[in-house]
Amino acid sequence: MAASNLNVVVLTGNLTRDPELRSLPSGTSVCDMRVAVNTRRKNNATGEWEDKPNYFDVKVWGAQGENCARFLSKGRPVAVQGRLEWREWETQDGQKRQAVDIIADSVQFLGGRDDAGAGGFTASVGGSRSDVPVDERDFQTAASGAGIGDDDIPF
């Protein structure tokens, strides 16, 4: 029996630009988006927690991509579930390029239309809170009963 491969990506973040919708010659729509996702890291010099942004290119196909282009804009928070896809091409001057994209299976719009850039994570239905809470206590150092400090961790 062969082992199964797994290629799953789940992320939440904010759009760094307005989505760009285009149609292929076949008539299929594809929406290109760029999503910024912050990672929290402790600055060893100051001891403070800092955000480090990571940027991901996301492709959304078909009617879902058309909806993304219609209803989303720069700064809007989104949740994306999909898979990684590697691609390679050659530029006009002969240089080889490669990239990894996220191919979205589903995109959830977080926040309301007026929440772009506010970083709010409220669901657009009924104004209720999303199931993706933002709680900075998640990033605080936990007390350890074993006497292991931050300097003892190898990463």
Protein backbone atom coordinates (compact mmCIF):
# COMPACT_ATOMS: atom_id res chain seq x y z
CA MET A 1 0.00 0.00 0.00
CA ALA A 2 1.46 3.36 -1.03
CA ALA A 3 1.63 6.26 1.40
CA SER A 4 -0.70 9.17 0.72
CA ASN A 5 0.65 12.62 0.04
CA LEU A 6 -0.82 15.66 1.72
CA ASN A 7 -0.78 19.18 0.29
CA VAL A 8 -3.00 21.47 2.40
CA VAL A 9 -2.64 25.16 3.24
CA VAL A 10 -4.83 27.13 5.64
CA LEU A 11 -4.10 30.78 6.40
CA THR A 12 -5.73 34.00 7.47
CA GLY A 13 -4.42 37.42 6.57
CA ASN A 14 -5.12 40.67 4.77
CA LEU A 15 -5.09 41.46 1.06
CA THR A 16 -2.11 43.64 0.08
CA ARG A 17 -3.79 44.90 -3.10
CA ASP A 18 -7.12 44.73 -4.89
CA PRO A 19 -7.79 41.30 -6.46
CA GLU A 20 -7.05 41.08 -10.20
CA LEU A 21 -9.54 39.12 -12.30
CA ARG A 22 -8.74 37.83 -15.77
CA SER A 23 -10.28 35.39 -18.20
CA LEU A 24 -8.37 32.69 -20.05
CA PRO A 25 -9.00 32.07 -23.76
CA SER A 26 -11.10 29.07 -22.68
CA GLY A 27 -13.44 31.46 -20.84
CA THR A 28 -12.38 30.31 -17.36
CA SER A 29 -11.98 33.10 -14.83
CA VAL A 30 -8.98 33.30 -12.49
CA CYS A 31 -8.47 35.84 -9.71
CA ASP A 32 -4.98 36.68 -8.45
CA MET A 33 -4.64 37.91 -4.88
CA ARG A 34 -1.73 38.57 -2.53
CA VAL A 35 -2.27 37.88 1.17
CA ALA A 36 -0.07 39.17 4.01
CA VAL A 37 0.13 36.93 7.07
CA ASN A 38 1.96 38.11 10.19
CA THR A 39 4.17 35.83 12.24
CA ARG A 40 4.95 36.88 15.81
CA ARG A 41 8.60 36.69 16.87
CA LYS A 42 10.37 37.78 19.99
CA ASN A 43 13.09 40.38 19.42
CA ASN A 44 16.04 39.09 21.46
CA ALA A 45 17.53 42.58 21.76
CA THR A 46 14.42 44.27 23.20
CA GLY A 47 12.49 41.28 24.55
CA GLU A 48 9.37 42.60 22.79
CA TRP A 49 7.11 40.63 20.44
CA GLU A 50 7.16 41.90 16.83
CA ASP A 51 5.17 41.12 13.71
CA LYS A 52 7.04 39.78 10.68
CA PRO A 53 4.90 39.78 7.54
CA ASN A 54 4.91 36.92 5.02
CA TYR A 55 3.36 37.41 1.59
CA PHE A 56 1.57 34.69 -0.39
CA ASP A 57 0.25 34.67 -3.96
CA VAL A 58 -3.21 33.08 -4.15
CA LYS A 59 -5.13 31.99 -7.27
CA VAL A 60 -8.90 31.53 -7.10
CA TRP A 61 -10.59 29.88 -10.09
CA GLY A 62 -14.10 30.14 -11.55
CA ALA A 63 -17.14 31.75 -9.97
CA GLN A 64 -15.45 31.93 -6.56
CA GLY A 65 -12.65 34.00 -8.13
CA GLU A 66 -15.22 36.29 -9.72
CA ASN A 67 -16.84 36.82 -6.31
CA CYS A 68 -13.45 37.59 -4.75
CA ALA A 69 -12.79 40.24 -7.40
CA ARG A 70 -16.27 41.72 -6.96
CA PHE A 71 -16.46 41.89 -3.15
CA LEU A 72 -12.87 42.06 -1.84
CA SER A 73 -10.42 44.96 -1.83
CA LYS A 74 -7.01 45.88 -0.47
CA GLY A 75 -6.73 45.48 3.30
CA ARG A 76 -9.68 43.12 3.64
CA PRO A 77 -9.11 40.13 5.97
CA VAL A 78 -9.64 36.69 4.41
CA ALA A 79 -9.25 33.03 5.32
CA VAL A 80 -7.93 30.77 2.55
CA GLN A 81 -7.89 26.99 2.34
CA GLY A 82 -6.13 25.37 -0.59
CA ARG A 83 -2.98 23.68 -1.81
CA LEU A 84 0.53 24.62 -2.91
CA GLU A 85 1.41 24.49 -6.60
CA TRP A 86 4.93 24.90 -7.96
CA ARG A 87 5.43 26.45 -11.41
CA GLU A 88 8.40 27.19 -13.61
CA TRP A 89 8.80 29.44 -16.66
CA GLU A 90 11.43 31.12 -18.78
CA THR A 91 11.58 34.90 -19.16
CA GLN A 92 11.92 36.62 -22.54
CA ASP A 93 15.64 37.05 -21.93
CA GLY A 94 16.08 33.32 -21.24
CA GLN A 95 16.24 33.29 -17.44
CA LYS A 96 14.50 30.45 -15.64
CA ARG A 97 12.07 31.47 -12.92
CA GLN A 98 10.02 29.51 -10.44
CA ALA A 99 7.34 30.27 -7.88
CA VAL A 100 5.03 28.55 -5.44
CA ASP A 101 1.39 29.68 -5.48
CA ILE A 102 -1.54 28.82 -3.28
CA ILE A 103 -4.45 27.46 -5.30
CA ALA A 104 -7.53 28.26 -3.23
CA ASP A 105 -10.24 25.66 -2.76
CA SER A 106 -12.21 28.08 -0.59
CA VAL A 107 -11.96 31.73 0.44
CA GLN A 108 -13.86 33.06 3.42
CA PHE A 109 -14.45 36.81 3.57
CA LEU A 110 -13.72 38.03 7.10
CA GLY A 111 -14.89 41.36 8.48
CA GLY A 112 -17.39 43.66 6.85
CA ARG A 113 -16.87 45.76 3.74
CA ASP A 114 -15.93 48.74 5.91
CA ASP A 115 -13.35 46.72 7.90
CA ALA A 116 -10.63 46.79 5.21
CA GLY A 117 -7.32 47.43 6.87
CA ALA A 118 -8.83 47.57 10.34
CA GLY A 119 -7.60 44.09 11.15
CA GLY A 120 -11.01 43.16 12.53
CA PHE A 121 -12.05 39.54 12.26
CA THR A 122 -15.82 39.80 12.44
CA ALA A 123 -17.96 37.64 10.22
CA SER A 124 -19.98 39.43 7.56
CA VAL A 125 -23.19 37.59 8.52
CA GLY A 126 -25.05 39.23 11.38
CA GLY A 127 -21.97 41.03 12.70
CA SER A 128 -21.04 38.08 14.90
CA ARG A 129 -17.44 37.24 15.78
CA SER A 130 -15.50 34.97 13.47
CA ASP A 131 -14.23 31.57 14.57
CA VAL A 132 -10.70 32.98 14.06
CA PRO A 133 -10.03 34.97 17.24
CA VAL A 134 -7.14 37.37 17.64
CA ASP A 135 -5.79 37.09 21.16
CA GLU A 136 -2.30 38.40 21.88
CA ARG A 137 -2.14 36.25 25.02
CA ASP A 138 -1.44 33.36 22.61
CA PHE A 139 1.95 34.96 21.96
CA GLN A 140 3.04 35.47 25.58
CA THR A 141 5.66 33.23 27.14
CA ALA A 142 4.06 30.51 29.27
CA ALA A 143 5.38 29.78 32.74
CA SER A 144 7.39 26.59 32.85
CA GLY A 145 7.57 24.32 35.87
CA ALA A 146 10.68 22.57 34.49
CA GLY A 147 12.92 25.64 34.81
CA ILE A 148 13.57 25.94 31.06
CA GLY A 149 14.03 29.53 29.90
CA ASP A 150 13.93 31.14 26.46
CA ASP A 151 17.72 30.87 26.22
CA ASP A 152 17.53 27.07 26.58
CA ILE A 153 15.36 26.58 23.50
CA PRO A 154 17.49 25.95 20.37
CA PHE A 155 15.33 27.99 17.95
